N, C-alpha and C. Protein backbone atom coordinates (compact mmCIF):
# COMPACT_ATOMS: atom_id res chain seq x y z
N MET A 1 38.96 57.94 116.88
CA MET A 1 38.00 58.20 115.78
C MET A 1 37.92 59.61 115.21
N LYS A 2 37.68 60.45 116.16
CA LYS A 2 37.59 61.94 115.78
C LYS A 2 38.93 62.55 115.19
N ARG A 3 40.02 61.95 115.64
CA ARG A 3 41.35 62.38 115.14
C ARG A 3 41.47 62.17 113.75
N VAL A 4 40.99 60.98 113.26
CA VAL A 4 41.20 60.46 111.91
C VAL A 4 40.24 61.38 111.04
N ILE A 5 39.04 61.70 111.44
CA ILE A 5 38.09 62.51 110.67
C ILE A 5 38.73 63.81 110.56
N GLU A 6 39.27 64.52 111.61
CA GLU A 6 39.91 65.83 111.52
C GLU A 6 41.04 65.77 110.57
N LYS A 7 41.82 64.83 110.58
CA LYS A 7 42.96 64.70 109.78
C LYS A 7 42.46 64.68 108.16
N ASN A 8 41.61 63.90 107.93
CA ASN A 8 41.00 63.80 106.55
C ASN A 8 40.36 65.08 106.13
N ARG A 9 39.76 65.85 107.04
CA ARG A 9 39.21 67.02 106.76
C ARG A 9 40.20 68.03 106.42
N ARG A 10 41.36 68.13 107.03
CA ARG A 10 42.42 69.06 106.90
C ARG A 10 42.99 68.70 105.40
N ARG A 11 43.21 67.35 105.16
CA ARG A 11 43.80 67.06 103.79
C ARG A 11 42.70 67.55 102.84
N ALA A 12 41.45 67.33 102.91
CA ALA A 12 40.52 67.77 102.01
C ALA A 12 40.60 69.29 101.72
N ARG A 13 40.80 70.00 102.80
CA ARG A 13 41.00 71.46 102.58
C ARG A 13 42.25 71.84 101.82
N ARG A 14 43.42 71.19 102.20
CA ARG A 14 44.58 71.38 101.45
C ARG A 14 44.45 70.99 99.86
N LYS A 15 43.70 70.08 99.66
CA LYS A 15 43.38 69.44 98.26
C LYS A 15 42.63 70.47 97.50
N THR A 16 41.69 71.19 98.15
CA THR A 16 40.77 72.12 97.35
C THR A 16 41.73 73.38 97.00
N ARG A 17 42.57 73.64 97.95
CA ARG A 17 43.39 74.85 97.63
C ARG A 17 44.39 74.56 96.53
N ILE A 18 45.03 73.29 96.57
CA ILE A 18 45.87 73.00 95.39
C ILE A 18 45.11 72.98 94.21
N ARG A 19 44.01 72.33 94.28
CA ARG A 19 43.32 72.13 92.88
C ARG A 19 42.90 73.45 92.27
N GLY A 20 42.73 74.52 93.08
CA GLY A 20 42.48 75.88 92.68
C GLY A 20 43.60 76.35 91.78
N ARG A 21 44.83 76.08 92.02
CA ARG A 21 45.93 76.36 91.23
C ARG A 21 46.52 75.39 90.17
N VAL A 22 46.30 74.09 90.39
CA VAL A 22 46.96 73.31 89.54
C VAL A 22 45.95 72.72 88.49
N PHE A 23 46.17 72.82 87.14
CA PHE A 23 45.28 72.49 86.09
C PHE A 23 46.18 71.86 84.93
N GLY A 24 45.61 70.55 84.40
CA GLY A 24 46.22 69.89 83.53
C GLY A 24 45.65 70.11 82.25
N THR A 25 46.49 69.97 81.07
CA THR A 25 46.01 70.06 79.65
C THR A 25 46.50 68.82 79.00
N ALA A 26 46.22 68.64 77.78
CA ALA A 26 46.62 67.41 76.99
C ALA A 26 48.25 67.35 76.84
N ALA A 27 48.62 68.75 76.57
CA ALA A 27 50.13 68.80 76.36
C ALA A 27 50.89 68.77 77.71
N ARG A 28 50.20 69.16 78.82
CA ARG A 28 50.89 69.20 80.17
C ARG A 28 49.84 68.66 81.09
N PRO A 29 49.70 67.33 81.31
CA PRO A 29 48.61 66.88 82.05
C PRO A 29 48.92 66.99 83.57
N ARG A 30 47.90 66.78 84.48
CA ARG A 30 48.18 66.94 85.84
C ARG A 30 48.33 65.49 86.30
N LEU A 31 49.47 65.34 87.03
CA LEU A 31 49.87 64.04 87.56
C LEU A 31 49.39 63.90 89.05
N SER A 32 48.26 63.12 89.22
CA SER A 32 47.66 63.12 90.49
C SER A 32 48.09 61.83 91.29
N VAL A 33 48.43 62.00 92.52
CA VAL A 33 48.81 60.87 93.38
C VAL A 33 47.70 60.62 94.43
N PHE A 34 47.22 59.38 94.80
CA PHE A 34 46.42 59.02 95.80
C PHE A 34 47.10 57.80 96.49
N ARG A 35 47.34 57.85 97.77
CA ARG A 35 47.81 56.78 98.45
C ARG A 35 46.79 56.40 99.60
N SER A 36 46.61 55.07 99.74
CA SER A 36 45.86 54.38 100.67
C SER A 36 46.80 53.74 101.68
N ASN A 37 46.20 53.08 102.61
CA ASN A 37 47.08 52.28 103.51
C ASN A 37 47.63 50.99 102.80
N ARG A 38 46.95 50.54 101.76
CA ARG A 38 47.43 49.31 101.04
C ARG A 38 47.96 49.62 99.62
N ASN A 39 47.48 50.66 99.01
CA ASN A 39 47.99 50.83 97.54
C ASN A 39 48.22 52.28 97.25
N LEU A 40 48.86 52.32 96.07
CA LEU A 40 49.25 53.63 95.52
C LEU A 40 48.70 53.84 94.09
N TYR A 41 48.11 54.95 93.79
CA TYR A 41 47.63 55.16 92.44
C TYR A 41 48.19 56.61 91.95
N VAL A 42 48.60 56.53 90.65
CA VAL A 42 49.09 57.66 90.06
C VAL A 42 48.46 57.88 88.66
N GLN A 43 47.88 58.96 88.28
CA GLN A 43 47.24 59.14 86.98
C GLN A 43 47.51 60.31 86.44
N ALA A 44 47.61 60.42 85.09
CA ALA A 44 47.89 61.57 84.34
C ALA A 44 46.43 62.12 83.87
N ILE A 45 45.93 63.29 84.12
CA ILE A 45 44.75 63.78 83.84
C ILE A 45 44.68 65.01 82.91
N ASP A 46 43.80 65.01 81.95
CA ASP A 46 43.63 66.17 81.13
C ASP A 46 42.34 66.77 81.67
N ASP A 47 42.51 67.99 82.30
CA ASP A 47 41.41 68.60 82.94
C ASP A 47 40.49 69.42 81.90
N GLN A 48 41.06 69.75 80.69
CA GLN A 48 40.28 70.38 79.77
C GLN A 48 39.14 69.45 79.18
N GLU A 49 39.60 68.17 78.95
CA GLU A 49 38.61 67.22 78.41
C GLU A 49 37.99 66.48 79.49
N GLY A 50 38.52 66.48 80.70
CA GLY A 50 37.93 65.81 81.82
C GLY A 50 38.24 64.33 81.74
N ARG A 51 39.39 63.79 81.22
CA ARG A 51 39.56 62.47 81.11
C ARG A 51 41.00 62.02 81.53
N THR A 52 41.13 60.73 82.01
CA THR A 52 42.52 60.33 82.40
C THR A 52 43.14 59.84 81.07
N LEU A 53 44.39 60.34 80.94
CA LEU A 53 45.24 59.95 79.76
C LEU A 53 45.97 58.52 80.01
N CYS A 54 46.57 58.41 81.16
CA CYS A 54 47.00 57.12 81.50
C CYS A 54 47.20 56.95 83.13
N ALA A 55 47.40 55.78 83.58
CA ALA A 55 47.48 55.56 85.05
C ALA A 55 48.37 54.35 85.28
N ALA A 56 48.91 54.43 86.53
CA ALA A 56 49.72 53.27 87.09
C ALA A 56 49.40 53.05 88.55
N SER A 57 49.15 51.99 88.95
CA SER A 57 48.88 51.71 90.35
C SER A 57 49.40 50.34 90.84
N SER A 58 49.34 50.23 92.10
CA SER A 58 49.85 48.89 92.65
C SER A 58 48.84 47.87 92.66
N VAL A 59 47.61 48.10 91.96
CA VAL A 59 46.58 46.92 91.92
C VAL A 59 46.47 46.43 90.54
N SER A 60 47.07 47.01 89.58
CA SER A 60 46.91 46.47 88.12
C SER A 60 48.16 46.32 87.46
N GLY A 61 48.22 45.56 86.39
CA GLY A 61 49.35 45.37 85.48
C GLY A 61 50.53 44.62 86.13
N ASP A 62 51.64 45.07 85.68
CA ASP A 62 53.01 44.50 86.12
C ASP A 62 53.24 44.97 87.48
N LEU A 63 52.68 46.06 87.97
CA LEU A 63 52.94 46.66 89.27
C LEU A 63 52.13 45.98 90.35
N LYS A 64 51.27 45.12 90.10
CA LYS A 64 50.27 44.46 91.00
C LYS A 64 51.11 43.87 92.11
N GLY A 65 50.51 44.12 93.35
CA GLY A 65 51.18 43.69 94.56
C GLY A 65 52.23 44.41 95.13
N MET A 66 52.55 45.62 94.65
CA MET A 66 53.61 46.44 95.25
C MET A 66 52.93 47.26 96.48
N LYS A 67 53.61 47.58 97.37
CA LYS A 67 53.27 48.22 98.56
C LYS A 67 53.50 49.84 98.51
N PRO A 68 52.69 50.47 99.18
CA PRO A 68 52.83 52.04 99.11
C PRO A 68 53.98 52.36 100.03
N ASN A 69 55.22 51.93 99.62
CA ASN A 69 56.40 52.52 100.21
C ASN A 69 57.33 53.19 99.29
N THR A 70 58.39 53.74 99.73
CA THR A 70 59.26 54.65 98.81
C THR A 70 59.76 53.99 97.61
N GLU A 71 60.26 52.79 97.88
CA GLU A 71 60.92 51.98 96.68
C GLU A 71 59.90 51.71 95.56
N ASP A 72 58.80 51.20 96.10
CA ASP A 72 57.75 50.74 95.09
C ASP A 72 57.07 52.03 94.43
N ALA A 73 56.92 53.16 95.21
CA ALA A 73 56.38 54.36 94.68
C ALA A 73 57.20 54.87 93.54
N ALA A 74 58.61 54.86 93.71
CA ALA A 74 59.42 55.21 92.79
C ALA A 74 59.24 54.40 91.35
N LYS A 75 59.08 53.10 91.56
CA LYS A 75 58.83 52.33 90.33
C LYS A 75 57.44 52.55 89.67
N ILE A 76 56.46 52.81 90.51
CA ILE A 76 55.17 53.36 89.91
C ILE A 76 55.31 54.62 89.10
N GLY A 77 56.06 55.58 89.84
CA GLY A 77 56.32 56.86 89.19
C GLY A 77 57.06 56.70 87.87
N GLU A 78 58.09 55.77 87.83
CA GLU A 78 58.80 55.48 86.51
C GLU A 78 57.82 54.93 85.56
N ALA A 79 57.02 54.04 86.04
CA ALA A 79 56.03 53.41 85.00
C ALA A 79 55.02 54.36 84.38
N ILE A 80 54.58 55.40 85.19
CA ILE A 80 53.69 56.36 84.59
C ILE A 80 54.45 57.28 83.74
N GLY A 81 55.71 57.67 84.15
CA GLY A 81 56.64 58.41 83.35
C GLY A 81 56.87 57.82 81.95
N LYS A 82 57.11 56.59 81.95
CA LYS A 82 57.30 55.81 80.60
C LYS A 82 56.02 55.87 79.71
N GLN A 83 54.99 55.74 80.47
CA GLN A 83 53.59 55.91 79.59
C GLN A 83 53.47 57.26 79.04
N LEU A 84 53.71 58.18 79.77
CA LEU A 84 53.63 59.58 79.30
C LEU A 84 54.60 59.83 78.15
N LEU A 85 55.72 59.42 78.30
CA LEU A 85 56.78 59.53 77.22
C LEU A 85 56.36 58.79 75.82
N ASP A 86 55.69 57.64 76.04
CA ASP A 86 55.09 56.97 74.91
C ASP A 86 54.19 57.66 74.10
N MET A 87 53.41 58.40 75.01
CA MET A 87 52.24 59.36 74.39
C MET A 87 52.86 60.74 73.88
N ASN A 88 54.13 60.83 73.82
CA ASN A 88 54.85 62.12 73.37
C ASN A 88 54.48 63.24 74.37
N VAL A 89 54.38 63.03 75.69
CA VAL A 89 54.09 64.06 76.55
C VAL A 89 55.44 64.06 77.46
N SER A 90 56.18 65.26 77.55
CA SER A 90 57.46 65.35 78.30
C SER A 90 57.31 66.23 79.49
N GLU A 91 56.13 66.88 79.70
CA GLU A 91 55.93 67.68 80.87
C GLU A 91 54.67 67.43 81.47
N ALA A 92 54.52 67.61 82.82
CA ALA A 92 53.35 67.40 83.55
C ALA A 92 53.38 68.38 84.87
N VAL A 93 52.20 68.51 85.33
CA VAL A 93 52.03 69.36 86.50
C VAL A 93 51.68 68.46 87.64
N PHE A 94 52.58 68.51 88.81
CA PHE A 94 52.25 67.37 89.80
C PHE A 94 51.21 67.95 90.77
N ASP A 95 50.40 67.16 91.06
CA ASP A 95 49.24 67.37 92.04
C ASP A 95 49.48 66.30 93.17
N ARG A 96 49.89 66.80 94.36
CA ARG A 96 50.18 65.99 95.50
C ARG A 96 48.86 65.60 96.26
N ASN A 97 47.86 66.22 95.83
CA ASN A 97 46.42 65.72 96.23
C ASN A 97 46.22 66.01 97.68
N GLY A 98 46.68 67.04 98.30
CA GLY A 98 46.59 67.34 99.76
C GLY A 98 47.65 66.68 100.57
N TYR A 99 48.44 65.72 100.22
CA TYR A 99 49.42 65.18 100.99
C TYR A 99 50.58 66.06 101.05
N LEU A 100 51.47 65.80 102.09
CA LEU A 100 52.67 66.48 102.29
C LEU A 100 53.75 65.97 101.09
N TYR A 101 54.53 66.82 100.54
CA TYR A 101 55.46 66.22 99.51
C TYR A 101 56.67 65.75 100.39
N HIS A 102 56.45 64.50 100.82
CA HIS A 102 57.37 63.75 101.54
C HIS A 102 57.16 62.36 101.38
N GLY A 103 58.16 61.38 101.50
CA GLY A 103 57.97 59.94 101.50
C GLY A 103 57.52 59.46 100.17
N VAL A 104 56.29 58.73 100.22
CA VAL A 104 55.71 58.08 99.15
C VAL A 104 55.47 58.97 97.95
N VAL A 105 54.79 60.10 98.28
CA VAL A 105 54.39 61.14 97.31
C VAL A 105 55.67 61.68 96.65
N ARG A 106 56.64 62.08 97.38
CA ARG A 106 57.85 62.57 96.78
C ARG A 106 58.51 61.42 95.93
N ALA A 107 58.58 60.18 96.44
CA ALA A 107 59.21 59.14 95.57
C ALA A 107 58.43 58.80 94.27
N ALA A 108 57.17 59.06 94.22
CA ALA A 108 56.53 58.71 93.01
C ALA A 108 56.83 60.07 91.96
N ALA A 109 56.91 61.19 92.44
CA ALA A 109 57.39 62.36 91.65
C ALA A 109 58.74 62.16 91.17
N GLU A 110 59.72 61.77 91.98
CA GLU A 110 61.11 61.62 91.52
C GLU A 110 61.15 60.38 90.57
N GLY A 111 60.50 59.41 90.69
CA GLY A 111 60.29 58.35 89.84
C GLY A 111 59.94 58.68 88.43
N ALA A 112 58.96 59.66 88.31
CA ALA A 112 58.41 60.19 87.09
C ALA A 112 59.56 61.05 86.45
N ARG A 113 60.31 61.81 87.28
CA ARG A 113 61.40 62.62 86.77
C ARG A 113 62.44 61.68 86.29
N LYS A 114 62.78 60.64 86.90
CA LYS A 114 63.78 59.83 86.50
C LYS A 114 63.52 59.11 85.12
N ALA A 115 62.15 58.93 84.81
CA ALA A 115 61.84 58.38 83.58
C ALA A 115 61.93 59.42 82.52
N GLY A 116 62.07 60.60 82.86
CA GLY A 116 62.33 61.67 81.71
C GLY A 116 61.26 62.76 81.78
N VAL A 117 60.22 62.69 82.50
CA VAL A 117 59.07 63.74 82.55
C VAL A 117 59.57 64.90 83.51
N LYS A 118 59.38 66.06 82.82
CA LYS A 118 59.55 67.33 83.49
C LYS A 118 58.41 67.62 84.41
N LEU A 119 58.59 67.76 85.80
CA LEU A 119 57.57 68.22 86.57
C LEU A 119 57.81 69.57 87.23
């Protein structure tokens, strides 16, 4: 139990350092990734207005029922990329949210790139 708490605490510290540097605007939103053991969530956030522009996750819409693995993460990344392109947004800032840029987080970013969003 103590090991899990320490792991979460380290991730929270990394997250604060990252958020000190990463800032999203309406023209270039912050693409934030959150992964849990069961689901994956990706959202584009405008930090100036403090609102979410669009979101894709494994709990809603056509992507419901997907697992947080690399194949499904790439599909979720492509979905958010297409939503951003429909909003005429071609660039975004990637926020890995304290996670290592590896596995599911990397697959989500590459999926968004594959859709045509420049990260």
